[in-house]
Amino acid sequence: MDWGRGARIPTSALPWLDRIMSRGGLPAGVPFSNQYGYDDPAMNDLIDRAAVELDRARRIDLYQQFQVRAADQLPLIVAAEFTFITVASRRLHNIATNPRWATSSWADTWLEQ
């Protein structure tokens, strides 16, 4: 991920970015949701509009505006980028059942005997 001015973040990363790093107005204490406290009404508006925009070209434009604003304001400076790799036996079930598996509960994980 490159946060340089004018950089383009893959749109597949944006749902994660808006909830984790950039969306203000969330209740305090919600785990893994804007834990840095960043809150910008203009950014919130871009996120909200992009989330419901059905026209692909307009949605892309909104997310590009999001990227430019994020690059200008730098609500978070990424010092390290982590890559998660899962290696598990086929006998281990329900180990990665959601997009945030690395920080989620494994309460439903079980080992086939």
Foldseek 3Di string as FASTA:
>chain_A
DDLAAQDDDPPVCVVLCCQQDNDAPDDPPDPNGNPLRHHDVVLNVLVVCLVPDPDPVVNVVSVSVNSNVCSVVVSDDDPDDDDDDDDDDPQWPPQCDDPPSVPDDCVVIDGHD
